[in-house]
């Protein structure tokens, strides 16, 4: 029992470190590990942490096969955890992303203690491809805990919004080329102007970022 408690404690610390790494861009994130009462010990807390996490928590072996899968994968992707155990995770990764994910896994396995973040598309049970951002880290090499813990977040909506924005930007550039016009934006606080390709051509200016003083010297058409 002592070895089992130690194993779960080690895994819990790894999960906590990875969640802190995954959320370090969030200014509202609080490092609760500094509280003397955190984390509580015992299997009940450990199970509650896993089963109620918003992100998907996975443990893979060194070859990428599923050793553990958190229950919330059913809600997000439609799979029961037991459907995945023992199967290769690469079967569900989009073929165009597979080599990048394999390289990330190999990096983690070869550098214990290191972590890495990867974006990739994962096939849901209904056949749809969802985009995930995952951070992974190798667990201690003890025989009862060996494996890679991966915390994954669904970023499909964010990637779609970024794609729509890029498409709109391409359309705007094309419209400027056809109509022979341009646009620019003044950042008052910085006294800097961001100009489109069309605007730079019209004003005969180079560079994407211009100082207001430079533009004020130009005789407007």
N, C-alpha and C. Protein backbone atom coordinates (compact mmCIF):
# COMPACT_ATOMS: atom_id res chain seq x y z
N UNK A 1 0.82 -1.21 0.00
CA UNK A 1 0.00 0.00 0.00
C UNK A 1 0.86 1.26 0.00
N UNK A 2 1.99 1.17 0.70
CA UNK A 2 2.85 2.35 0.75
C UNK A 2 3.38 2.69 -0.62
N UNK A 3 3.77 1.66 -1.41
CA UNK A 3 4.26 1.91 -2.76
C UNK A 3 3.17 2.48 -3.63
N UNK A 4 1.91 1.99 -3.44
CA UNK A 4 0.80 2.48 -4.25
C UNK A 4 0.54 3.94 -3.96
N UNK A 5 0.56 4.33 -2.67
CA UNK A 5 0.33 5.73 -2.33
C UNK A 5 1.43 6.61 -2.89
N UNK A 6 2.65 6.12 -2.84
CA UNK A 6 3.77 6.89 -3.38
C UNK A 6 3.60 7.09 -4.88
N UNK A 7 3.19 6.05 -5.58
CA UNK A 7 2.99 6.14 -7.03
C UNK A 7 1.94 7.18 -7.37
N UNK A 8 0.82 7.15 -6.68
CA UNK A 8 -0.24 8.10 -6.97
C UNK A 8 0.17 9.52 -6.60
N UNK A 9 0.94 9.65 -5.54
CA UNK A 9 1.43 10.97 -5.18
C UNK A 9 2.35 11.54 -6.23
N UNK A 10 3.21 10.69 -6.79
CA UNK A 10 4.11 11.14 -7.85
C UNK A 10 3.32 11.56 -9.08
N UNK A 11 2.33 10.76 -9.45
CA UNK A 11 1.52 11.10 -10.62
C UNK A 11 0.77 12.39 -10.39
N UNK A 12 0.24 12.58 -9.19
CA UNK A 12 -0.50 13.79 -8.87
C UNK A 12 0.38 15.02 -9.00
N UNK A 13 1.62 14.91 -8.52
CA UNK A 13 2.54 16.06 -8.65
C UNK A 13 2.84 16.35 -10.11
N UNK A 14 3.02 15.30 -10.90
CA UNK A 14 3.27 15.51 -12.33
C UNK A 14 2.08 16.19 -12.99
N UNK A 15 0.87 15.73 -12.67
CA UNK A 15 -0.32 16.34 -13.25
C UNK A 15 -0.45 17.79 -12.85
N UNK A 16 -0.18 18.08 -11.57
CA UNK A 16 -0.28 19.46 -11.11
C UNK A 16 0.73 20.35 -11.82
N UNK A 17 1.97 19.86 -12.00
CA UNK A 17 2.99 20.64 -12.69
C UNK A 17 2.60 20.90 -14.14
N UNK A 18 2.04 19.87 -14.80
CA UNK A 18 1.65 20.04 -16.19
C UNK A 18 0.47 21.00 -16.33
N UNK A 19 -0.50 20.93 -15.42
CA UNK A 19 -1.63 21.85 -15.49
C UNK A 19 -1.15 23.28 -15.28
N UNK A 20 -0.19 23.49 -14.38
CA UNK A 20 0.34 24.83 -14.17
C UNK A 20 1.06 25.31 -15.42
N UNK A 21 1.81 24.41 -16.09
CA UNK A 21 2.48 24.78 -17.33
C UNK A 21 1.48 25.11 -18.42
N UNK A 22 0.39 24.33 -18.47
CA UNK A 22 -0.63 24.51 -19.51
C UNK A 22 -1.39 25.81 -19.33
N UNK A 23 -1.47 26.31 -18.08
CA UNK A 23 -2.29 27.50 -17.80
C UNK A 23 -1.44 28.73 -17.49
N UNK A 24 -0.13 28.67 -17.77
CA UNK A 24 0.73 29.77 -17.32
C UNK A 24 0.49 31.07 -18.07
N UNK A 25 -0.25 31.00 -19.19
CA UNK A 25 -0.57 32.23 -19.92
C UNK A 25 -1.80 32.92 -19.35
N UNK A 26 -2.48 32.29 -18.41
CA UNK A 26 -3.71 32.85 -17.84
C UNK A 26 -3.37 33.69 -16.62
N UNK A 27 -3.55 35.02 -16.65
CA UNK A 27 -3.17 35.87 -15.54
C UNK A 27 -3.99 35.62 -14.29
N UNK A 28 -5.13 34.96 -14.43
CA UNK A 28 -5.97 34.70 -13.27
C UNK A 28 -5.61 33.39 -12.60
N UNK A 29 -4.67 32.63 -13.18
CA UNK A 29 -4.32 31.33 -12.64
C UNK A 29 -3.60 31.49 -11.31
N UNK A 30 -3.96 30.70 -10.34
CA UNK A 30 -3.35 30.75 -9.02
C UNK A 30 -2.59 29.47 -8.76
N UNK A 31 -1.37 29.57 -8.32
CA UNK A 31 -0.55 28.42 -8.00
C UNK A 31 -0.94 27.91 -6.63
N UNK A 32 -1.90 26.99 -6.58
CA UNK A 32 -2.39 26.50 -5.29
C UNK A 32 -1.40 25.57 -4.62
N UNK A 33 -0.34 25.18 -5.35
CA UNK A 33 0.62 24.28 -4.73
C UNK A 33 1.37 24.96 -3.59
N UNK A 34 1.29 26.29 -3.48
CA UNK A 34 1.96 27.00 -2.40
C UNK A 34 1.17 26.95 -1.10
N UNK A 35 -0.07 26.52 -1.19
CA UNK A 35 -0.88 26.41 0.02
C UNK A 35 -0.43 25.20 0.81
N UNK A 36 -0.21 25.31 2.14
CA UNK A 36 0.28 24.19 2.93
C UNK A 36 -0.74 23.06 3.00
N UNK A 37 -2.00 23.33 2.69
CA UNK A 37 -3.03 22.30 2.78
C UNK A 37 -3.25 21.59 1.45
N UNK A 38 -2.41 21.89 0.44
CA UNK A 38 -2.61 21.34 -0.91
C UNK A 38 -1.40 20.52 -1.30
N UNK A 39 -1.55 19.32 -1.90
CA UNK A 39 -2.84 18.68 -2.16
C UNK A 39 -3.21 17.72 -1.03
N UNK A 40 -4.49 17.45 -0.84
CA UNK A 40 -4.87 16.43 0.12
C UNK A 40 -4.36 15.08 -0.35
N UNK A 41 -4.12 14.18 0.57
CA UNK A 41 -3.62 12.86 0.20
C UNK A 41 -4.78 11.89 0.08
N UNK A 42 -4.53 10.76 -0.55
CA UNK A 42 -5.53 9.72 -0.62
C UNK A 42 -6.07 9.50 -2.02
N UNK A 43 -6.53 8.26 -2.25
CA UNK A 43 -7.02 7.87 -3.56
C UNK A 43 -8.28 8.62 -3.96
N UNK A 44 -9.15 8.97 -2.99
CA UNK A 44 -10.39 9.66 -3.31
C UNK A 44 -10.13 10.99 -3.97
N UNK A 45 -9.19 11.75 -3.41
CA UNK A 45 -8.86 13.05 -4.00
C UNK A 45 -8.25 12.88 -5.38
N UNK A 46 -7.35 11.90 -5.50
CA UNK A 46 -6.69 11.65 -6.78
C UNK A 46 -7.71 11.34 -7.86
N UNK A 47 -8.67 10.44 -7.56
CA UNK A 47 -9.68 10.07 -8.54
C UNK A 47 -10.58 11.27 -8.88
N UNK A 48 -10.92 12.06 -7.85
CA UNK A 48 -11.77 13.23 -8.07
C UNK A 48 -11.08 14.24 -8.98
N UNK A 49 -9.79 14.43 -8.76
CA UNK A 49 -9.03 15.36 -9.60
C UNK A 49 -9.08 14.95 -11.06
N UNK A 50 -8.88 13.68 -11.33
CA UNK A 50 -8.85 13.19 -12.71
C UNK A 50 -10.23 13.28 -13.35
N UNK A 51 -11.24 12.78 -12.62
CA UNK A 51 -12.56 12.63 -13.22
C UNK A 51 -13.28 13.95 -13.41
N UNK A 52 -12.88 15.00 -12.69
CA UNK A 52 -13.55 16.29 -12.79
C UNK A 52 -12.73 17.34 -13.52
N UNK A 53 -11.60 16.94 -14.07
CA UNK A 53 -10.77 17.89 -14.81
C UNK A 53 -11.48 18.32 -16.09
N UNK A 54 -11.32 19.58 -16.45
CA UNK A 54 -11.91 20.08 -17.70
C UNK A 54 -11.14 19.58 -18.91
N UNK A 55 -9.84 19.41 -18.75
CA UNK A 55 -9.01 18.92 -19.85
C UNK A 55 -8.98 17.40 -19.83
N UNK A 56 -8.65 16.81 -20.98
CA UNK A 56 -8.51 15.36 -21.08
C UNK A 56 -7.14 14.96 -20.54
N UNK A 57 -7.11 13.95 -19.68
CA UNK A 57 -5.87 13.47 -19.10
C UNK A 57 -5.63 12.05 -19.60
N UNK A 58 -4.46 11.85 -20.19
CA UNK A 58 -4.11 10.57 -20.81
C UNK A 58 -2.74 10.13 -20.31
N UNK A 59 -2.55 8.82 -20.16
CA UNK A 59 -1.23 8.26 -19.91
C UNK A 59 -0.92 7.29 -21.03
N UNK A 60 0.22 7.50 -21.70
CA UNK A 60 0.66 6.66 -22.81
C UNK A 60 1.92 5.92 -22.43
N UNK A 61 2.14 4.78 -23.08
CA UNK A 61 3.44 4.14 -22.91
C UNK A 61 4.42 4.77 -23.89
N UNK A 62 5.66 4.30 -23.87
CA UNK A 62 6.70 4.92 -24.70
C UNK A 62 6.43 4.76 -26.19
N UNK A 63 5.55 3.83 -26.57
CA UNK A 63 5.22 3.63 -27.98
C UNK A 63 3.96 4.37 -28.40
N UNK A 64 3.34 5.09 -27.47
CA UNK A 64 2.16 5.86 -27.82
C UNK A 64 0.85 5.14 -27.61
N UNK A 65 0.85 3.97 -26.97
CA UNK A 65 -0.38 3.24 -26.70
C UNK A 65 -1.02 3.75 -25.41
N UNK A 66 -2.35 3.71 -25.36
CA UNK A 66 -3.09 4.21 -24.20
C UNK A 66 -2.93 3.27 -23.00
N UNK A 67 -2.47 3.82 -21.87
CA UNK A 67 -2.44 3.10 -20.61
C UNK A 67 -3.59 3.53 -19.70
N UNK A 68 -3.95 4.80 -19.82
CA UNK A 68 -5.06 5.35 -19.02
C UNK A 68 -5.71 6.47 -19.82
N UNK A 69 -7.04 6.61 -19.65
CA UNK A 69 -7.76 7.69 -20.30
C UNK A 69 -8.83 8.21 -19.35
N UNK A 70 -8.86 9.53 -19.12
CA UNK A 70 -9.84 10.10 -18.21
C UNK A 70 -11.25 9.96 -18.78
N UNK A 71 -12.26 9.83 -17.90
CA UNK A 71 -13.64 9.57 -18.35
C UNK A 71 -14.23 10.66 -19.24
N UNK A 72 -13.75 11.91 -19.09
CA UNK A 72 -14.38 12.99 -19.86
C UNK A 72 -14.12 12.90 -21.36
N UNK A 73 -13.33 11.93 -21.80
CA UNK A 73 -13.13 11.77 -23.24
C UNK A 73 -14.43 11.35 -23.92
N UNK A 74 -15.30 10.67 -23.18
CA UNK A 74 -16.58 10.26 -23.77
C UNK A 74 -17.42 11.48 -24.15
N UNK A 75 -17.43 12.49 -23.28
CA UNK A 75 -18.21 13.69 -23.55
C UNK A 75 -17.63 14.48 -24.71
N UNK A 76 -16.31 14.54 -24.81
CA UNK A 76 -15.66 15.36 -25.83
C UNK A 76 -15.50 14.65 -27.17
N UNK A 77 -15.22 13.36 -27.13
CA UNK A 77 -14.90 12.65 -28.37
C UNK A 77 -15.77 11.43 -28.63
N UNK A 78 -16.57 11.04 -27.65
CA UNK A 78 -17.50 9.94 -27.87
C UNK A 78 -16.98 8.57 -27.51
N UNK A 79 -15.70 8.45 -27.14
CA UNK A 79 -15.13 7.15 -26.81
C UNK A 79 -15.30 6.85 -25.32
N UNK A 80 -15.58 5.59 -24.99
CA UNK A 80 -15.45 5.13 -23.62
C UNK A 80 -13.97 4.91 -23.35
N UNK A 81 -13.48 5.24 -22.16
CA UNK A 81 -12.05 5.06 -21.89
C UNK A 81 -11.55 3.66 -22.20
N UNK A 82 -12.37 2.63 -21.86
CA UNK A 82 -11.91 1.26 -22.07
C UNK A 82 -11.80 0.89 -23.54
N UNK A 83 -12.43 1.67 -24.43
CA UNK A 83 -12.30 1.41 -25.86
C UNK A 83 -10.90 1.72 -26.37
N UNK A 84 -10.20 2.59 -25.67
CA UNK A 84 -8.90 3.05 -26.15
C UNK A 84 -7.73 2.32 -25.50
N UNK A 85 -7.91 1.81 -24.30
CA UNK A 85 -6.80 1.20 -23.57
C UNK A 85 -6.16 0.09 -24.40
N UNK A 86 -4.84 0.17 -24.53
CA UNK A 86 -4.08 -0.81 -25.28
C UNK A 86 -3.93 -0.49 -26.75
N UNK A 87 -4.69 0.46 -27.26
CA UNK A 87 -4.60 0.84 -28.67
C UNK A 87 -3.57 1.95 -28.86
N UNK A 88 -3.05 2.06 -30.07
CA UNK A 88 -2.08 3.11 -30.38
C UNK A 88 -2.81 4.44 -30.58
N UNK A 89 -2.34 5.47 -29.92
CA UNK A 89 -2.95 6.79 -30.07
C UNK A 89 -2.76 7.33 -31.48
N UNK A 90 -1.74 6.85 -32.18
CA UNK A 90 -1.45 7.36 -33.52
C UNK A 90 -2.53 6.96 -34.53
N UNK A 91 -3.31 5.92 -34.21
CA UNK A 91 -4.40 5.52 -35.10
C UNK A 91 -5.46 6.62 -35.20
N UNK A 92 -5.53 7.47 -34.19
CA UNK A 92 -6.58 8.48 -34.12
C UNK A 92 -6.08 9.87 -34.51
N UNK A 93 -4.77 9.98 -34.74
CA UNK A 93 -4.16 11.26 -35.11
C UNK A 93 -4.26 11.44 -36.63
N UNK A 94 -4.57 12.65 -37.07
CA UNK A 94 -4.66 12.94 -38.50
C UNK A 94 -3.33 12.59 -39.17
N UNK A 95 -3.37 11.91 -40.33
CA UNK A 95 -2.13 11.51 -41.00
C UNK A 95 -1.15 12.65 -41.23
N UNK A 96 -1.66 13.85 -41.49
CA UNK A 96 -0.76 14.98 -41.73
C UNK A 96 -0.07 15.46 -40.46
N UNK A 97 -0.62 15.12 -39.29
CA UNK A 97 -0.06 15.57 -38.02
C UNK A 97 0.72 14.48 -37.31
N UNK A 98 0.63 13.25 -37.81
CA UNK A 98 1.15 12.10 -37.07
C UNK A 98 2.65 12.17 -36.83
N UNK A 99 3.42 12.53 -37.84
CA UNK A 99 4.88 12.57 -37.68
C UNK A 99 5.28 13.59 -36.62
N UNK A 100 4.57 14.72 -36.56
CA UNK A 100 4.89 15.74 -35.56
C UNK A 100 4.60 15.23 -34.15
N UNK A 101 3.50 14.50 -33.98
CA UNK A 101 3.16 13.96 -32.67
C UNK A 101 4.15 12.88 -32.25
N UNK A 102 4.55 12.03 -33.20
CA UNK A 102 5.54 10.99 -32.90
C UNK A 102 6.85 11.63 -32.46
N UNK A 103 7.26 12.68 -33.15
CA UNK A 103 8.50 13.37 -32.78
C UNK A 103 8.40 13.96 -31.38
N UNK A 104 7.24 14.52 -31.04
CA UNK A 104 7.05 15.09 -29.70
C UNK A 104 7.12 14.00 -28.64
N UNK A 105 6.50 12.85 -28.90
CA UNK A 105 6.54 11.74 -27.94
C UNK A 105 7.96 11.24 -27.75
N UNK A 106 8.69 11.07 -28.84
CA UNK A 106 10.07 10.60 -28.74
C UNK A 106 10.93 11.58 -27.93
N UNK A 107 10.69 12.87 -28.13
CA UNK A 107 11.44 13.88 -27.38
C UNK A 107 11.20 13.74 -25.88
N UNK A 108 9.94 13.54 -25.51
CA UNK A 108 9.59 13.42 -24.09
C UNK A 108 10.21 12.17 -23.49
N UNK A 109 10.13 11.05 -24.23
CA UNK A 109 10.66 9.78 -23.72
C UNK A 109 12.17 9.85 -23.55
N UNK A 110 12.84 10.51 -24.48
CA UNK A 110 14.30 10.58 -24.45
C UNK A 110 14.82 11.60 -23.44
N UNK A 111 13.96 12.53 -23.01
CA UNK A 111 14.38 13.57 -22.07
C UNK A 111 13.45 13.60 -20.86
N UNK A 112 13.61 12.64 -19.95
CA UNK A 112 12.74 12.61 -18.76
C UNK A 112 12.80 13.93 -18.00
N UNK A 113 11.65 14.42 -17.60
CA UNK A 113 11.58 15.70 -16.90
C UNK A 113 11.25 16.85 -17.81
N UNK A 114 11.50 16.67 -19.12
CA UNK A 114 11.17 17.73 -20.07
C UNK A 114 9.70 17.62 -20.47
N UNK A 115 9.11 18.73 -20.90
CA UNK A 115 7.74 18.73 -21.38
C UNK A 115 7.69 19.44 -22.72
N UNK A 116 6.66 19.16 -23.49
CA UNK A 116 6.52 19.80 -24.79
C UNK A 116 5.04 19.96 -25.11
N UNK A 117 4.72 20.97 -25.90
CA UNK A 117 3.34 21.25 -26.29
C UNK A 117 3.18 21.03 -27.79
N UNK A 118 2.11 20.37 -28.18
CA UNK A 118 1.88 20.01 -29.58
C UNK A 118 0.43 20.25 -29.96
N UNK A 119 0.21 20.73 -31.18
CA UNK A 119 -1.14 20.83 -31.75
C UNK A 119 -1.32 19.74 -32.78
N UNK A 120 -2.50 19.15 -32.83
CA UNK A 120 -2.78 18.08 -33.78
C UNK A 120 -4.29 17.88 -33.88
N UNK A 121 -4.70 17.15 -34.91
CA UNK A 121 -6.11 16.81 -35.09
C UNK A 121 -6.34 15.36 -34.67
N UNK A 122 -7.43 15.16 -33.91
CA UNK A 122 -7.77 13.84 -33.36
C UNK A 122 -9.16 13.46 -33.84
N UNK A 123 -9.30 12.22 -34.30
CA UNK A 123 -10.58 11.78 -34.85
C UNK A 123 -11.56 11.40 -33.75
N UNK A 124 -12.72 12.05 -33.72
CA UNK A 124 -13.78 11.71 -32.78
C UNK A 124 -14.46 10.42 -33.24
N UNK A 125 -15.27 9.85 -32.38
CA UNK A 125 -15.92 8.58 -32.70
C UNK A 125 -16.89 8.73 -33.87
N UNK A 126 -17.45 9.93 -34.05
CA UNK A 126 -18.38 10.15 -35.16
C UNK A 126 -17.66 10.47 -36.46
N UNK A 127 -16.32 10.43 -36.44
CA UNK A 127 -15.55 10.66 -37.66
C UNK A 127 -15.06 12.07 -37.85
N UNK A 128 -15.53 13.02 -37.06
CA UNK A 128 -15.10 14.40 -37.18
C UNK A 128 -13.69 14.56 -36.62
N UNK A 129 -12.95 15.54 -37.18
CA UNK A 129 -11.61 15.83 -36.69
C UNK A 129 -11.67 17.06 -35.79
N UNK A 130 -11.21 16.92 -34.56
CA UNK A 130 -11.13 18.04 -33.63
C UNK A 130 -9.67 18.38 -33.41
N UNK A 131 -9.39 19.65 -33.19
CA UNK A 131 -8.01 20.10 -32.98
C UNK A 131 -7.74 20.22 -31.49
N UNK A 132 -6.62 19.64 -31.06
CA UNK A 132 -6.24 19.66 -29.65
C UNK A 132 -4.86 20.28 -29.48
N UNK A 133 -4.69 20.88 -28.32
CA UNK A 133 -3.37 21.33 -27.88
C UNK A 133 -3.03 20.52 -26.65
N UNK A 134 -1.91 19.80 -26.69
CA UNK A 134 -1.54 18.90 -25.61
C UNK A 134 -0.16 19.23 -25.07
N UNK A 135 -0.02 19.09 -23.77
CA UNK A 135 1.29 19.20 -23.14
C UNK A 135 1.58 17.86 -22.47
N UNK A 136 2.77 17.32 -22.71
CA UNK A 136 3.11 16.00 -22.20
C UNK A 136 4.42 16.00 -21.45
N UNK A 137 4.54 15.03 -20.55
CA UNK A 137 5.76 14.88 -19.76
C UNK A 137 5.91 13.43 -19.33
N UNK A 138 7.15 12.95 -19.31
CA UNK A 138 7.43 11.57 -18.91
C UNK A 138 7.33 11.42 -17.41
N UNK A 139 6.60 10.39 -16.97
CA UNK A 139 6.52 10.08 -15.55
C UNK A 139 7.80 9.39 -15.11
N UNK A 140 8.01 9.28 -13.78
CA UNK A 140 9.21 8.57 -13.30
C UNK A 140 9.30 7.17 -13.88
N UNK A 141 10.51 6.66 -14.00
CA UNK A 141 10.73 5.39 -14.69
C UNK A 141 10.48 4.17 -13.81
N UNK A 142 9.88 4.36 -12.66
CA UNK A 142 9.48 3.23 -11.83
C UNK A 142 8.53 2.33 -12.62
N UNK A 143 8.62 1.03 -12.43
CA UNK A 143 7.85 0.10 -13.26
C UNK A 143 6.35 0.30 -13.11
N UNK A 144 5.89 0.84 -11.98
CA UNK A 144 4.46 1.01 -11.77
C UNK A 144 3.95 2.33 -12.30
N UNK A 145 4.84 3.23 -12.66
CA UNK A 145 4.38 4.55 -13.11
C UNK A 145 4.93 4.94 -14.47
N UNK A 146 5.77 4.10 -15.08
CA UNK A 146 6.40 4.47 -16.35
C UNK A 146 5.34 4.81 -17.38
N UNK A 147 5.53 5.93 -18.05
CA UNK A 147 4.58 6.36 -19.06
C UNK A 147 4.65 7.86 -19.24
N UNK A 148 3.93 8.33 -20.23
CA UNK A 148 3.88 9.76 -20.54
C UNK A 148 2.50 10.28 -20.18
N UNK A 149 2.43 11.27 -19.30
CA UNK A 149 1.14 11.87 -18.97
C UNK A 149 0.92 13.04 -19.91
N UNK A 150 -0.28 13.11 -20.48
CA UNK A 150 -0.61 14.13 -21.48
C UNK A 150 -1.90 14.81 -21.05
N UNK A 151 -1.89 16.13 -21.02
CA UNK A 151 -3.09 16.91 -20.73
C UNK A 151 -3.47 17.66 -22.01
N UNK A 152 -4.70 17.43 -22.48
CA UNK A 152 -5.12 17.94 -23.78
C UNK A 152 -6.32 18.85 -23.64
N UNK A 153 -6.35 19.88 -24.49
CA UNK A 153 -7.43 20.86 -24.49
C UNK A 153 -7.97 21.02 -25.91
N UNK A 154 -9.29 21.01 -26.04
CA UNK A 154 -9.95 21.18 -27.34
C UNK A 154 -9.84 22.65 -27.77
N UNK A 155 -9.15 22.90 -28.88
CA UNK A 155 -8.99 24.27 -29.39
C UNK A 155 -9.60 24.39 -30.78
N UNK A 156 -10.55 23.50 -31.10
CA UNK A 156 -11.14 23.50 -32.44
C UNK A 156 -11.78 24.83 -32.78
N UNK A 157 -12.57 25.38 -31.86
CA UNK A 157 -13.25 26.65 -32.13
C UNK A 157 -12.25 27.79 -32.33
N UNK A 158 -11.19 27.78 -31.51
CA UNK A 158 -10.18 28.83 -31.65
C UNK A 158 -9.47 28.75 -32.99
N UNK A 159 -9.12 27.54 -33.42
CA UNK A 159 -8.44 27.38 -34.70
C UNK A 159 -9.36 27.76 -35.85
N UNK A 160 -10.66 27.46 -35.72
CA UNK A 160 -11.61 27.84 -36.77
C UNK A 160 -11.69 29.37 -36.88
N UNK A 161 -11.75 30.04 -35.72
CA UNK A 161 -11.82 31.50 -35.73
C UNK A 161 -10.56 32.10 -36.35
N UNK A 162 -9.41 31.52 -36.05
CA UNK A 162 -8.16 32.01 -36.64
C UNK A 162 -8.16 31.81 -38.15
N UNK A 163 -8.72 30.67 -38.60
CA UNK A 163 -8.79 30.41 -40.03
C UNK A 163 -9.69 31.40 -40.75
N UNK A 164 -10.83 31.71 -40.13
CA UNK A 164 -11.76 32.69 -40.72
C UNK A 164 -11.09 34.05 -40.81
N UNK A 165 -10.35 34.43 -39.78
CA UNK A 165 -9.67 35.72 -39.80
C UNK A 165 -8.63 35.78 -40.91
N UNK A 166 -7.85 34.71 -41.07
CA UNK A 166 -6.86 34.68 -42.15
C UNK A 166 -7.53 34.76 -43.51
N UNK A 167 -8.65 34.07 -43.67
CA UNK A 167 -9.36 34.11 -44.93
C UNK A 167 -9.88 35.51 -45.24
N UNK A 168 -10.41 36.19 -44.23
CA UNK A 168 -10.89 37.56 -44.42
C UNK A 168 -9.74 38.50 -44.78
N UNK A 169 -8.59 38.28 -44.16
CA UNK A 169 -7.43 39.11 -44.47
C UNK A 169 -6.98 38.90 -45.91
N UNK A 170 -7.02 37.65 -46.38
CA UNK A 170 -6.65 37.39 -47.79
C UNK A 170 -7.63 38.05 -48.74
N UNK A 171 -8.91 37.97 -48.40
CA UNK A 171 -9.93 38.60 -49.26
C UNK A 171 -9.74 40.11 -49.32
N UNK A 172 -9.41 40.70 -48.18
CA UNK A 172 -9.20 42.15 -48.14
C UNK A 172 -8.00 42.54 -48.99
N UNK A 173 -6.91 41.78 -48.88
CA UNK A 173 -5.73 42.08 -49.69
C UNK A 173 -6.05 41.96 -51.19
N UNK A 174 -6.81 40.94 -51.53
CA UNK A 174 -7.17 40.76 -52.95
C UNK A 174 -8.06 41.91 -53.43
N UNK A 175 -9.00 42.32 -52.59
CA UNK A 175 -9.88 43.43 -52.96
C UNK A 175 -9.08 44.71 -53.14
N UNK A 176 -8.08 44.93 -52.30
CA UNK A 176 -7.25 46.13 -52.44
C UNK A 176 -6.47 46.10 -53.74
N UNK A 177 -5.98 44.90 -54.11
CA UNK A 177 -5.22 44.79 -55.36
C UNK A 177 -6.11 45.11 -56.57
N UNK A 178 -7.33 44.58 -56.55
CA UNK A 178 -8.23 44.78 -57.68
C UNK A 178 -8.69 46.23 -57.78
N UNK A 179 -9.01 46.83 -56.61
CA UNK A 179 -9.56 48.19 -56.61
C UNK A 179 -8.48 49.26 -56.52
N UNK A 180 -7.24 48.85 -56.33
CA UNK A 180 -6.13 49.80 -56.20
C UNK A 180 -6.35 50.78 -55.05
N UNK A 181 -6.67 50.24 -53.89
CA UNK A 181 -6.76 51.07 -52.70
C UNK A 181 -6.07 50.35 -51.54
N UNK A 182 -5.96 51.05 -50.43
CA UNK A 182 -5.29 50.48 -49.27
C UNK A 182 -5.94 50.93 -47.99
N UNK A 183 -5.40 50.41 -46.86
CA UNK A 183 -5.91 50.84 -45.56
C UNK A 183 -4.76 50.93 -44.58
N UNK A 184 -4.94 51.77 -43.60
CA UNK A 184 -3.93 51.89 -42.55
C UNK A 184 -4.59 52.16 -41.21
N UNK A 185 -3.86 51.86 -40.15
CA UNK A 185 -4.38 52.00 -38.79
C UNK A 185 -3.35 52.74 -37.94
N UNK A 186 -3.80 53.78 -37.25
CA UNK A 186 -2.93 54.56 -36.38
C UNK A 186 -3.08 54.11 -34.94
N UNK A 187 -1.97 53.70 -34.32
CA UNK A 187 -1.94 53.38 -32.90
C UNK A 187 -1.49 54.65 -32.17
N UNK A 188 -2.47 55.34 -31.58
CA UNK A 188 -2.22 56.68 -31.04
C UNK A 188 -1.16 56.65 -29.95
N UNK A 189 -1.26 55.71 -29.04
CA UNK A 189 -0.32 55.67 -27.90
C UNK A 189 1.11 55.48 -28.36
N UNK A 190 1.29 54.67 -29.41
CA UNK A 190 2.64 54.38 -29.90
C UNK A 190 3.07 55.30 -31.04
N UNK A 191 2.12 56.12 -31.53
CA UNK A 191 2.40 56.97 -32.68
C UNK A 191 2.96 56.16 -33.84
N UNK A 192 2.38 54.98 -34.04
CA UNK A 192 2.82 54.06 -35.09
C UNK A 192 1.65 53.74 -36.00
N UNK A 193 1.96 53.56 -37.28
CA UNK A 193 0.93 53.24 -38.27
C UNK A 193 1.20 51.86 -38.86
N UNK A 194 0.17 51.01 -38.88
CA UNK A 194 0.23 49.73 -39.57
C UNK A 194 -0.51 49.90 -40.90
N UNK A 195 0.20 49.71 -41.99
CA UNK A 195 -0.37 49.94 -43.32
C UNK A 195 -0.42 48.65 -44.11
N UNK A 196 -1.47 48.50 -44.92
CA UNK A 196 -1.60 47.34 -45.80
C UNK A 196 -0.66 47.50 -46.99
N UNK A 197 -0.52 46.41 -47.75
CA UNK A 197 0.34 46.47 -48.94
C UNK A 197 -0.14 47.56 -49.90
N UNK A 198 -1.47 47.64 -50.08
CA UNK A 198 -2.01 48.64 -51.00
C UNK A 198 -1.70 50.05 -50.57
N UNK A 199 -1.80 50.32 -49.27
CA UNK A 199 -1.52 51.67 -48.76
C UNK A 199 -0.05 52.02 -48.95
N UNK A 200 0.84 51.07 -48.70
CA UNK A 200 2.28 51.36 -48.86
C UNK A 200 2.61 51.65 -50.32
N UNK A 201 1.95 50.93 -51.23
CA UNK A 201 2.20 51.18 -52.65
C UNK A 201 1.70 52.57 -53.03
N UNK A 202 0.50 52.93 -52.58
CA UNK A 202 -0.07 54.24 -52.91
C UNK A 202 0.80 55.37 -52.40
N UNK A 203 1.28 55.23 -51.16
CA UNK A 203 2.07 56.30 -50.55
C UNK A 203 3.56 56.19 -50.86
N UNK A 204 3.96 55.11 -51.51
CA UNK A 204 5.37 54.95 -51.85
C UNK A 204 6.24 54.71 -50.65
N UNK A 205 5.73 53.98 -49.66
CA UNK A 205 6.46 53.72 -48.42
C UNK A 205 6.76 52.24 -48.29
N UNK A 206 7.87 51.91 -47.64
CA UNK A 206 8.24 50.52 -47.41
C UNK A 206 8.03 50.13 -45.96
N UNK A 207 8.02 48.84 -45.71
CA UNK A 207 7.88 48.35 -44.35
C UNK A 207 6.43 48.31 -43.90
N UNK A 208 6.10 47.32 -43.07
CA UNK A 208 4.72 47.17 -42.61
C UNK A 208 4.39 48.16 -41.50
N UNK A 209 5.41 48.52 -40.70
CA UNK A 209 5.18 49.41 -39.57
C UNK A 209 5.84 50.76 -39.86
N UNK A 210 5.06 51.83 -39.76
CA UNK A 210 5.55 53.16 -40.09
C UNK A 210 5.34 54.10 -38.92
N UNK A 211 6.22 55.06 -38.79
CA UNK A 211 6.04 56.10 -37.78
C UNK A 211 5.12 57.18 -38.34
N UNK A 212 4.33 57.77 -37.45
CA UNK A 212 3.40 58.81 -37.88
C UNK A 212 4.15 59.97 -38.53
N UNK A 213 5.31 60.28 -38.00
CA UNK A 213 6.09 61.38 -38.56
C UNK A 213 6.48 61.13 -40.01
N UNK A 214 6.72 59.86 -40.37
CA UNK A 214 7.08 59.53 -41.74
C UNK A 214 5.91 59.77 -42.67
N UNK A 215 4.72 59.38 -42.23
CA UNK A 215 3.54 59.50 -43.07
C UNK A 215 3.14 60.97 -43.23
N UNK A 216 3.35 61.78 -42.20
CA UNK A 216 2.98 63.19 -42.26
C UNK A 216 3.79 63.95 -43.30
N UNK A 217 4.92 63.40 -43.70
CA UNK A 217 5.75 64.04 -44.71
C UNK A 217 5.29 63.75 -46.14
N UNK A 218 4.40 62.76 -46.25
CA UNK A 218 3.95 62.35 -47.57
C UNK A 218 2.81 63.23 -48.05
N UNK A 219 2.87 63.67 -49.31
CA UNK A 219 1.78 64.43 -49.91
C UNK A 219 0.71 63.42 -50.32
N UNK A 220 -0.48 63.54 -49.71
CA UNK A 220 -1.55 62.56 -49.96
C UNK A 220 -2.06 62.70 -51.39
N UNK A 221 -2.40 61.59 -52.01
CA UNK A 221 -2.96 61.62 -53.39
C UNK A 221 -4.25 62.41 -53.42
